[in-house]
Amino acid sequence: MILIAGPYRSGTNDDPVLIEKNVHFMHKMALEVYKKGHLPVLGEWFALPLIATAGSKQMGDEIFNQIFHPVAVDLISFCTAILRVGGASKGADEMISTGQEKGKFIYHDIGEIPVIKI
């Protein structure tokens, strides 16, 4: 599994249209990772349903903050690598530094990822 780490809220001022644009870009990168024979994952895929179920009322509230980044950090242990995509993001940078500490492969370009099936 390869974690896709990119901006979610960064640079959006919490504008839902801009957040969706960030998510769409990460989804596109996830598809490219999948085409190379790897299983892509995004922390958002796990965190957002948990956040909603836990009763978060708005992005950035206490419930959101208790779950959003910690879930992505937890996912790193189950991944072989992390692909850093997009622009500035403290959260994505945290994923990279955590991945480095855990000895994961770190990719900064889709072209760096090897093809494992055709």
C-alpha atoms as a PDB file:
ATOM      1  CA  MET A   1       0.000   0.000   0.000  1.00  0.00           C
ATOM      2  CA  ILE A   2       1.138   3.500  -0.785  1.00  0.00           C
ATOM      3  CA  LEU A   3      -0.249   6.422   1.214  1.00  0.00           C
ATOM      4  CA  ILE A   4      -1.050   9.478  -0.891  1.00  0.00           C
ATOM      5  CA  ALA A   5      -0.067  12.536   1.177  1.00  0.00           C
ATOM      6  CA  GLY A   6      -1.156  15.925  -0.068  1.00  0.00           C
ATOM      7  CA  PRO A   7      -2.988  19.040   1.059  1.00  0.00           C
ATOM      8  CA  TYR A   8      -6.577  18.671   2.191  1.00  0.00           C
ATOM      9  CA  ARG A   9      -7.419  21.999   3.848  1.00  0.00           C
ATOM     10  CA  SER A  10      -4.126  23.829   3.252  1.00  0.00           C
ATOM     11  CA  GLY A  11      -4.524  26.956   1.169  1.00  0.00           C
ATOM     12  CA  THR A  12      -8.313  26.592   0.963  1.00  0.00           C
ATOM     13  CA  ASN A  13      -9.548  28.768   3.847  1.00  0.00           C
ATOM     14  CA  ASP A  14     -11.887  25.766   4.345  1.00  0.00           C
ATOM     15  CA  ASP A  15     -13.667  26.502   1.044  1.00  0.00           C
ATOM     16  CA  PRO A  16     -15.421  23.210   0.179  1.00  0.00           C
ATOM     17  CA  VAL A  17     -14.853  23.713  -3.561  1.00  0.00           C
ATOM     18  CA  LEU A  18     -11.096  24.096  -3.080  1.00  0.00           C
ATOM     19  CA  ILE A  19     -10.973  21.163  -0.656  1.00  0.00           C
ATOM     20  CA  GLU A  20     -12.767  19.013  -3.225  1.00  0.00           C
ATOM     21  CA  LYS A  21     -10.201  20.095  -5.814  1.00  0.00           C
ATOM     22  CA  ASN A  22      -7.401  18.918  -3.509  1.00  0.00           C
ATOM     23  CA  VAL A  23      -9.176  15.608  -2.885  1.00  0.00           C
ATOM     24  CA  HIS A  24      -9.822  15.095  -6.590  1.00  0.00           C
ATOM     25  CA  PHE A  25      -6.123  15.594  -7.330  1.00  0.00           C
ATOM     26  CA  MET A  26      -5.173  13.019  -4.681  1.00  0.00           C
ATOM     27  CA  HIS A  27      -7.738  10.619  -6.153  1.00  0.00           C
ATOM     28  CA  LYS A  28      -6.158  11.044  -9.581  1.00  0.00           C
ATOM     29  CA  MET A  29      -2.759  10.238  -8.108  1.00  0.00           C
ATOM     30  CA  ALA A  30      -4.250   7.225  -6.323  1.00  0.00           C
ATOM     31  CA  LEU A  31      -5.505   5.892  -9.649  1.00  0.00           C
ATOM     32  CA  GLU A  32      -2.034   6.273 -11.155  1.00  0.00           C
ATOM     33  CA  VAL A  33      -0.533   4.400  -8.200  1.00  0.00           C
ATOM     34  CA  TYR A  34      -3.107   1.643  -8.705  1.00  0.00           C
ATOM     35  CA  LYS A  35      -2.265   1.395 -12.404  1.00  0.00           C
ATOM     36  CA  LYS A  36       1.345   0.704 -11.380  1.00  0.00           C
ATOM     37  CA  GLY A  37       0.164  -2.327  -9.423  1.00  0.00           C
ATOM     38  CA  HIS A  38       0.044  -0.901  -5.918  1.00  0.00           C
ATOM     39  CA  LEU A  39      -2.866  -0.371  -3.551  1.00  0.00           C
ATOM     40  CA  PRO A  40      -3.251   3.370  -2.878  1.00  0.00           C
ATOM     41  CA  VAL A  41      -4.766   4.738   0.316  1.00  0.00           C
ATOM     42  CA  LEU A  42      -5.697   8.185   1.546  1.00  0.00           C
ATOM     43  CA  GLY A  43      -6.086   8.982   5.210  1.00  0.00           C
ATOM     44  CA  GLU A  44      -9.271  10.842   4.287  1.00  0.00           C
ATOM     45  CA  TRP A  45     -10.890   7.577   3.164  1.00  0.00           C
ATOM     46  CA  PHE A  46     -10.638   6.293   6.729  1.00  0.00           C
ATOM     47  CA  ALA A  47     -10.823   9.477   8.787  1.00  0.00           C
ATOM     48  CA  LEU A  48     -13.809  11.309   7.291  1.00  0.00           C
ATOM     49  CA  PRO A  49     -16.426   8.579   7.971  1.00  0.00           C
ATOM     50  CA  LEU A  50     -15.092   8.208  11.528  1.00  0.00           C
ATOM     51  CA  ILE A  51     -15.228  11.970  12.041  1.00  0.00           C
ATOM     52  CA  ALA A  52     -18.829  12.145  10.826  1.00  0.00           C
ATOM     53  CA  THR A  53     -19.887   9.177  12.956  1.00  0.00           C
ATOM     54  CA  ALA A  54     -18.174  10.635  16.026  1.00  0.00           C
ATOM     55  CA  GLY A  55     -20.379  13.728  15.703  1.00  0.00           C
ATOM     56  CA  SER A  56     -18.071  16.390  14.337  1.00  0.00           C
ATOM     57  CA  LYS A  57     -20.034  19.558  13.654  1.00  0.00           C
ATOM     58  CA  GLN A  58     -17.481  21.398  11.524  1.00  0.00           C
ATOM     59  CA  MET A  59     -14.095  20.983   9.953  1.00  0.00           C
ATOM     60  CA  GLY A  60     -11.384  21.720  12.485  1.00  0.00           C
ATOM     61  CA  ASP A  61     -13.509  21.145  15.585  1.00  0.00           C
ATOM     62  CA  GLU A  62     -12.160  19.033  18.465  1.00  0.00           C
ATOM     63  CA  ILE A  63     -13.533  15.749  17.102  1.00  0.00           C
ATOM     64  CA  PHE A  64     -12.115  16.460  13.637  1.00  0.00           C
ATOM     65  CA  ASN A  65      -8.687  17.280  15.062  1.00  0.00           C
ATOM     66  CA  GLN A  66      -8.630  14.194  17.307  1.00  0.00           C
ATOM     67  CA  ILE A  67      -9.164  11.887  14.321  1.00  0.00           C
ATOM     68  CA  PHE A  68      -8.087  13.459  11.007  1.00  0.00           C
ATOM     69  CA  HIS A  69      -4.265  13.453  11.153  1.00  0.00           C
ATOM     70  CA  PRO A  70      -3.863  10.638  13.697  1.00  0.00           C
ATOM     71  CA  VAL A  71      -5.629   8.210  11.335  1.00  0.00           C
ATOM     72  CA  ALA A  72      -3.216   9.040   8.510  1.00  0.00           C
ATOM     73  CA  VAL A  73      -0.255   8.648  10.858  1.00  0.00           C
ATOM     74  CA  ASP A  74      -1.611   5.248  11.950  1.00  0.00           C
ATOM     75  CA  LEU A  75      -1.972   4.175   8.310  1.00  0.00           C
ATOM     76  CA  ILE A  76       1.735   4.698   7.669  1.00  0.00           C
ATOM     77  CA  SER A  77       2.567   1.564   9.668  1.00  0.00           C
ATOM     78  CA  PHE A  78       0.571  -0.511   7.173  1.00  0.00           C
ATOM     79  CA  CYS A  79       2.078   1.087   4.066  1.00  0.00           C
ATOM     80  CA  THR A  80       5.263   0.330   2.189  1.00  0.00           C
ATOM     81  CA  ALA A  81       5.631   3.870   0.895  1.00  0.00           C
ATOM     82  CA  ILE A  82       4.275   7.408   0.816  1.00  0.00           C
ATOM     83  CA  LEU A  83       3.732   9.537  -2.278  1.00  0.00           C
ATOM     84  CA  ARG A  84       3.882  13.269  -1.497  1.00  0.00           C
ATOM     85  CA  VAL A  85       1.736  15.249  -3.930  1.00  0.00           C
ATOM     86  CA  GLY A  86       0.377  18.767  -4.303  1.00  0.00           C
ATOM     87  CA  GLY A  87       1.368  21.989  -2.640  1.00  0.00           C
ATOM     88  CA  ALA A  88       2.180  23.136   0.853  1.00  0.00           C
ATOM     89  CA  SER A  89       0.707  21.050   3.655  1.00  0.00           C
ATOM     90  CA  LYS A  90       1.899  20.662   7.235  1.00  0.00           C
ATOM     91  CA  GLY A  91      -0.102  17.450   7.532  1.00  0.00           C
ATOM     92  CA  ALA A  92       1.384  15.904   4.389  1.00  0.00           C
ATOM     93  CA  ASP A  93       4.852  16.958   5.509  1.00  0.00           C
ATOM     94  CA  GLU A  94       4.170  15.255   8.852  1.00  0.00           C
ATOM     95  CA  MET A  95       3.284  12.073   6.950  1.00  0.00           C
ATOM     96  CA  ILE A  96       6.615  12.249   5.132  1.00  0.00           C
ATOM     97  CA  SER A  97       8.685  12.783   8.279  1.00  0.00           C
ATOM     98  CA  THR A  98       6.813   9.993  10.090  1.00  0.00           C
ATOM     99  CA  GLY A  99       7.314   7.714   7.091  1.00  0.00           C
ATOM    100  CA  GLN A 100      11.025   8.478   7.062  1.00  0.00           C
ATOM    101  CA  GLU A 101      11.249   7.666  10.781  1.00  0.00           C
ATOM    102  CA  LYS A 102       9.526   4.347  10.101  1.00  0.00           C
ATOM    103  CA  GLY A 103      11.834   3.516   7.184  1.00  0.00           C
ATOM    104  CA  LYS A 104       9.187   3.786   4.465  1.00  0.00           C
ATOM    105  CA  PHE A 105       9.976   4.547   0.835  1.00  0.00           C
ATOM    106  CA  ILE A 106       9.230   8.200   0.102  1.00  0.00           C
ATOM    107  CA  TYR A 107       8.267   9.250  -3.413  1.00  0.00           C
ATOM    108  CA  HIS A 108       7.838  12.815  -4.659  1.00  0.00           C
ATOM    109  CA  ASP A 109       6.841  11.970  -8.215  1.00  0.00           C
ATOM    110  CA  ILE A 110       4.599   9.268  -9.642  1.00  0.00           C
ATOM    111  CA  GLY A 111       7.394   8.340 -12.054  1.00  0.00           C
ATOM    112  CA  GLU A 112       9.587   7.218  -9.148  1.00  0.00           C
ATOM    113  CA  ILE A 113       7.180   4.423  -8.221  1.00  0.00           C
ATOM    114  CA  PRO A 114       8.088   1.062  -9.763  1.00  0.00           C
ATOM    115  CA  VAL A 115       5.557  -0.907 -11.790  1.00  0.00           C
ATOM    116  CA  ILE A 116       4.882  -4.263 -10.138  1.00  0.00           C
ATOM    117  CA  LYS A 117       2.280  -5.576 -12.570  1.00  0.00           C
ATOM    118  CA  ILE A 118       1.295  -4.819 -16.117  1.00  0.00           C
END
